[in-house]
Amino acid sequence: MKLSGHLTTKEVYKERLEICKSCEFYFKPTGTCLKCGCFMRIKAKISVMSCAANPKKWLKTSILAAPDHVDDIIISEVKNIWPDIKNKKAKDHAVKARLITLHNTIYNTNFDRSTNCSSCLNACFKGIENIYNKYLKNV
């Protein structure tokens, strides 16, 4: 399994670590949680993890970090699809399927192309928006 498709953004990671560092279960000398025993510098980076002491402190997230490098072909596809999704809603079912496929390709995820789950679709949109902002926004 490629872990890159399961890592969260730097912002979410920093927010999670700050929450951990203020928690009564955080053991500063080793950076571990006394409740679950995890190394929080690692656990906080993995998107599907949540706080063991109190899941309401920080939850699983679908916000993933963009890969360090994206091929020109993928960037071109993001550029082509952007006009049909920039309003945060796919223009039609074909565009929705392309959006999900593109997200799955970039982030190594496996969202179902026919999903109607709003949080899944939002995660796919956010992922493509991150690539658009990183590579195309100022072009």
C-alpha atoms as a PDB file:
ATOM      1  CA  MET A   1       0.000   0.000   0.000  1.00  0.00           C
ATOM      2  CA  LYS A   2       1.265   3.451  -0.878  1.00  0.00           C
ATOM      3  CA  LEU A   3       1.038   5.614   2.207  1.00  0.00           C
ATOM      4  CA  SER A   4       1.087   8.849   0.176  1.00  0.00           C
ATOM      5  CA  GLY A   5      -2.637   8.501  -0.513  1.00  0.00           C
ATOM      6  CA  HIS A   6      -3.362   8.535   3.206  1.00  0.00           C
ATOM      7  CA  LEU A   7      -1.383  11.497   4.488  1.00  0.00           C
ATOM      8  CA  THR A   8      -3.102  14.683   5.512  1.00  0.00           C
ATOM      9  CA  THR A   9      -2.101  18.249   4.701  1.00  0.00           C
ATOM     10  CA  LYS A  10       0.542  20.167   6.646  1.00  0.00           C
ATOM     11  CA  GLU A  11      -2.157  22.423   8.093  1.00  0.00           C
ATOM     12  CA  VAL A  12      -4.228  19.530   9.476  1.00  0.00           C
ATOM     13  CA  TYR A  13      -1.059  17.845  10.749  1.00  0.00           C
ATOM     14  CA  LYS A  14       0.074  20.985  12.621  1.00  0.00           C
ATOM     15  CA  GLU A  15      -3.395  21.510  14.087  1.00  0.00           C
ATOM     16  CA  ARG A  16      -3.531  17.922  15.321  1.00  0.00           C
ATOM     17  CA  LEU A  17      -0.085  18.119  16.916  1.00  0.00           C
ATOM     18  CA  GLU A  18      -0.976  21.341  18.718  1.00  0.00           C
ATOM     19  CA  ILE A  19      -4.060  19.630  20.146  1.00  0.00           C
ATOM     20  CA  CYS A  20      -1.929  16.664  21.237  1.00  0.00           C
ATOM     21  CA  LYS A  21       0.707  18.850  22.854  1.00  0.00           C
ATOM     22  CA  SER A  22      -1.956  20.498  25.011  1.00  0.00           C
ATOM     23  CA  CYS A  23      -3.473  17.160  26.071  1.00  0.00           C
ATOM     24  CA  GLU A  24      -2.997  15.585  29.505  1.00  0.00           C
ATOM     25  CA  PHE A  25      -2.057  12.260  27.837  1.00  0.00           C
ATOM     26  CA  TYR A  26       0.766  13.701  25.709  1.00  0.00           C
ATOM     27  CA  PHE A  27       4.176  12.513  26.935  1.00  0.00           C
ATOM     28  CA  LYS A  28       6.552  15.231  25.788  1.00  0.00           C
ATOM     29  CA  PRO A  29       9.903  13.360  26.194  1.00  0.00           C
ATOM     30  CA  THR A  30       8.949  10.774  23.559  1.00  0.00           C
ATOM     31  CA  GLY A  31       6.090  12.536  21.750  1.00  0.00           C
ATOM     32  CA  THR A  32       3.770   9.636  22.491  1.00  0.00           C
ATOM     33  CA  CYS A  33       0.208   9.408  23.734  1.00  0.00           C
ATOM     34  CA  LEU A  34      -0.132   7.745  27.124  1.00  0.00           C
ATOM     35  CA  LYS A  35      -3.667   6.667  26.196  1.00  0.00           C
ATOM     36  CA  CYS A  36      -2.939   4.787  22.935  1.00  0.00           C
ATOM     37  CA  GLY A  37       0.877   4.552  22.950  1.00  0.00           C
ATOM     38  CA  CYS A  38       1.220   6.000  19.437  1.00  0.00           C
ATOM     39  CA  PHE A  39       3.989   8.314  18.284  1.00  0.00           C
ATOM     40  CA  MET A  40       1.900  11.375  17.634  1.00  0.00           C
ATOM     41  CA  ARG A  41       4.247  12.877  15.037  1.00  0.00           C
ATOM     42  CA  ILE A  42       3.349   9.857  12.910  1.00  0.00           C
ATOM     43  CA  LYS A  43      -0.286   9.276  13.868  1.00  0.00           C
ATOM     44  CA  ALA A  44      -1.235  12.936  13.376  1.00  0.00           C
ATOM     45  CA  LYS A  45      -0.022  12.774   9.751  1.00  0.00           C
ATOM     46  CA  ILE A  46      -2.233   9.813   8.770  1.00  0.00           C
ATOM     47  CA  SER A  47      -5.618  11.033   7.543  1.00  0.00           C
ATOM     48  CA  VAL A  48      -7.665   8.010   8.658  1.00  0.00           C
ATOM     49  CA  MET A  49      -6.545   8.239  12.291  1.00  0.00           C
ATOM     50  CA  SER A  50      -8.415   9.941  15.131  1.00  0.00           C
ATOM     51  CA  CYS A  51      -7.581  10.870  18.708  1.00  0.00           C
ATOM     52  CA  ALA A  52      -7.733   7.861  21.058  1.00  0.00           C
ATOM     53  CA  ALA A  53      -8.190   9.965  24.207  1.00  0.00           C
ATOM     54  CA  ASN A  54     -11.203  11.801  22.826  1.00  0.00           C
ATOM     55  CA  PRO A  55     -12.159  11.384  19.146  1.00  0.00           C
ATOM     56  CA  LYS A  56     -13.864  14.780  19.254  1.00  0.00           C
ATOM     57  CA  LYS A  57     -10.453  16.432  19.739  1.00  0.00           C
ATOM     58  CA  TRP A  58      -9.479  15.468  16.205  1.00  0.00           C
ATOM     59  CA  LEU A  59     -11.238  13.170  13.805  1.00  0.00           C
ATOM     60  CA  LYS A  60     -10.413  11.218  10.707  1.00  0.00           C
ATOM     61  CA  THR A  61     -10.158  13.494   7.712  1.00  0.00           C
ATOM     62  CA  SER A  62     -10.517  13.159   3.984  1.00  0.00           C
ATOM     63  CA  ILE A  63      -8.221  16.130   3.393  1.00  0.00           C
ATOM     64  CA  LEU A  64      -5.076  14.673   1.858  1.00  0.00           C
ATOM     65  CA  ALA A  65      -1.715  16.184   1.065  1.00  0.00           C
ATOM     66  CA  ALA A  66      -1.004  16.755  -2.610  1.00  0.00           C
ATOM     67  CA  PRO A  67       1.850  14.669  -3.980  1.00  0.00           C
ATOM     68  CA  ASP A  68       5.218  16.392  -4.347  1.00  0.00           C
ATOM     69  CA  HIS A  69       5.198  15.909  -8.108  1.00  0.00           C
ATOM     70  CA  VAL A  70       2.296  15.643 -10.535  1.00  0.00           C
ATOM     71  CA  ASP A  71       2.867  14.639 -14.159  1.00  0.00           C
ATOM     72  CA  ASP A  72       2.110  17.142 -16.906  1.00  0.00           C
ATOM     73  CA  ILE A  73      -0.609  14.829 -18.262  1.00  0.00           C
ATOM     74  CA  ILE A  74      -2.422  14.964 -14.913  1.00  0.00           C
ATOM     75  CA  ILE A  75      -2.015  18.748 -14.712  1.00  0.00           C
ATOM     76  CA  SER A  76      -3.483  18.992 -18.210  1.00  0.00           C
ATOM     77  CA  GLU A  77      -6.466  16.878 -17.143  1.00  0.00           C
ATOM     78  CA  VAL A  78      -7.004  19.096 -14.078  1.00  0.00           C
ATOM     79  CA  LYS A  79      -6.929  22.130 -16.375  1.00  0.00           C
ATOM     80  CA  ASN A  80      -9.477  20.505 -18.711  1.00  0.00           C
ATOM     81  CA  ILE A  81     -11.909  19.492 -15.973  1.00  0.00           C
ATOM     82  CA  TRP A  82     -11.638  22.657 -13.850  1.00  0.00           C
ATOM     83  CA  PRO A  83     -14.227  24.734 -15.782  1.00  0.00           C
ATOM     84  CA  ASP A  84     -16.772  21.938 -15.248  1.00  0.00           C
ATOM     85  CA  ILE A  85     -16.192  21.677 -11.468  1.00  0.00           C
ATOM     86  CA  LYS A  86     -14.977  25.091 -10.293  1.00  0.00           C
ATOM     87  CA  ASN A  87     -18.396  25.902  -8.819  1.00  0.00           C
ATOM     88  CA  LYS A  88     -17.848  22.887  -6.490  1.00  0.00           C
ATOM     89  CA  LYS A  89     -20.380  20.786  -8.355  1.00  0.00           C
ATOM     90  CA  ALA A  90     -19.756  18.535 -11.338  1.00  0.00           C
ATOM     91  CA  LYS A  91     -21.623  19.648 -14.450  1.00  0.00           C
ATOM     92  CA  ASP A  92     -22.944  16.124 -15.131  1.00  0.00           C
ATOM     93  CA  HIS A  93     -22.386  12.440 -14.289  1.00  0.00           C
ATOM     94  CA  ALA A  94     -19.558  12.056 -16.794  1.00  0.00           C
ATOM     95  CA  VAL A  95     -17.668  14.977 -15.243  1.00  0.00           C
ATOM     96  CA  LYS A  96     -18.297  13.572 -11.763  1.00  0.00           C
ATOM     97  CA  ALA A  97     -16.818  10.221 -12.831  1.00  0.00           C
ATOM     98  CA  ARG A  98     -13.785  12.007 -14.357  1.00  0.00           C
ATOM     99  CA  LEU A  99     -13.352  14.050 -11.171  1.00  0.00           C
ATOM    100  CA  ILE A 100     -13.337  10.949  -8.984  1.00  0.00           C
ATOM    101  CA  THR A 101     -11.068   8.998 -11.335  1.00  0.00           C
ATOM    102  CA  LEU A 102      -8.628  11.888 -11.472  1.00  0.00           C
ATOM    103  CA  HIS A 103      -8.608  12.208  -7.682  1.00  0.00           C
ATOM    104  CA  ASN A 104      -8.085   8.454  -7.294  1.00  0.00           C
ATOM    105  CA  THR A 105      -5.157   8.612  -9.722  1.00  0.00           C
ATOM    106  CA  ILE A 106      -3.441  11.574  -8.071  1.00  0.00           C
ATOM    107  CA  TYR A 107      -3.968  10.625  -4.435  1.00  0.00           C
ATOM    108  CA  ASN A 108      -3.990   6.819  -4.732  1.00  0.00           C
ATOM    109  CA  THR A 109      -7.493   6.644  -3.250  1.00  0.00           C
ATOM    110  CA  ASN A 110     -10.366   4.394  -4.244  1.00  0.00           C
ATOM    111  CA  PHE A 111     -13.553   6.451  -4.209  1.00  0.00           C
ATOM    112  CA  ASP A 112     -16.392   4.779  -6.117  1.00  0.00           C
ATOM    113  CA  ARG A 113     -16.952   6.624  -9.420  1.00  0.00           C
ATOM    114  CA  SER A 114     -20.712   6.473  -8.957  1.00  0.00           C
ATOM    115  CA  THR A 115     -20.807   7.769  -5.384  1.00  0.00           C
ATOM    116  CA  ASN A 116     -23.295  10.427  -4.379  1.00  0.00           C
ATOM    117  CA  CYS A 117     -21.785  10.862  -0.916  1.00  0.00           C
ATOM    118  CA  SER A 118     -21.351  14.602  -0.434  1.00  0.00           C
ATOM    119  CA  SER A 119     -18.300  14.273   1.835  1.00  0.00           C
ATOM    120  CA  CYS A 120     -16.585  11.929  -0.654  1.00  0.00           C
ATOM    121  CA  LEU A 121     -17.324  14.267  -3.549  1.00  0.00           C
ATOM    122  CA  ASN A 122     -16.157  17.255  -1.510  1.00  0.00           C
ATOM    123  CA  ALA A 123     -12.890  15.451  -0.721  1.00  0.00           C
ATOM    124  CA  CYS A 124     -12.395  14.769  -4.439  1.00  0.00           C
ATOM    125  CA  PHE A 125     -13.128  18.387  -5.320  1.00  0.00           C
ATOM    126  CA  LYS A 126     -10.750  19.677  -2.619  1.00  0.00           C
ATOM    127  CA  GLY A 127      -8.006  17.383  -3.876  1.00  0.00           C
ATOM    128  CA  ILE A 128      -8.353  18.611  -7.454  1.00  0.00           C
ATOM    129  CA  GLU A 129      -8.641  22.206  -6.235  1.00  0.00           C
ATOM    130  CA  ASN A 130      -5.321  21.767  -4.382  1.00  0.00           C
ATOM    131  CA  ILE A 131      -3.636  20.642  -7.607  1.00  0.00           C
ATOM    132  CA  TYR A 132      -5.257  23.469  -9.571  1.00  0.00           C
ATOM    133  CA  ASN A 133      -4.096  26.052  -7.017  1.00  0.00           C
ATOM    134  CA  LYS A 134      -0.595  24.618  -6.866  1.00  0.00           C
ATOM    135  CA  TYR A 135       0.039  24.249 -10.605  1.00  0.00           C
ATOM    136  CA  LEU A 136      -2.493  26.298 -12.578  1.00  0.00           C
ATOM    137  CA  LYS A 137      -3.999  29.166 -10.609  1.00  0.00           C
ATOM    138  CA  ASN A 138      -1.358  31.721 -11.576  1.00  0.00           C
ATOM    139  CA  VAL A 139      -0.817  30.449 -15.134  1.00  0.00           C
END
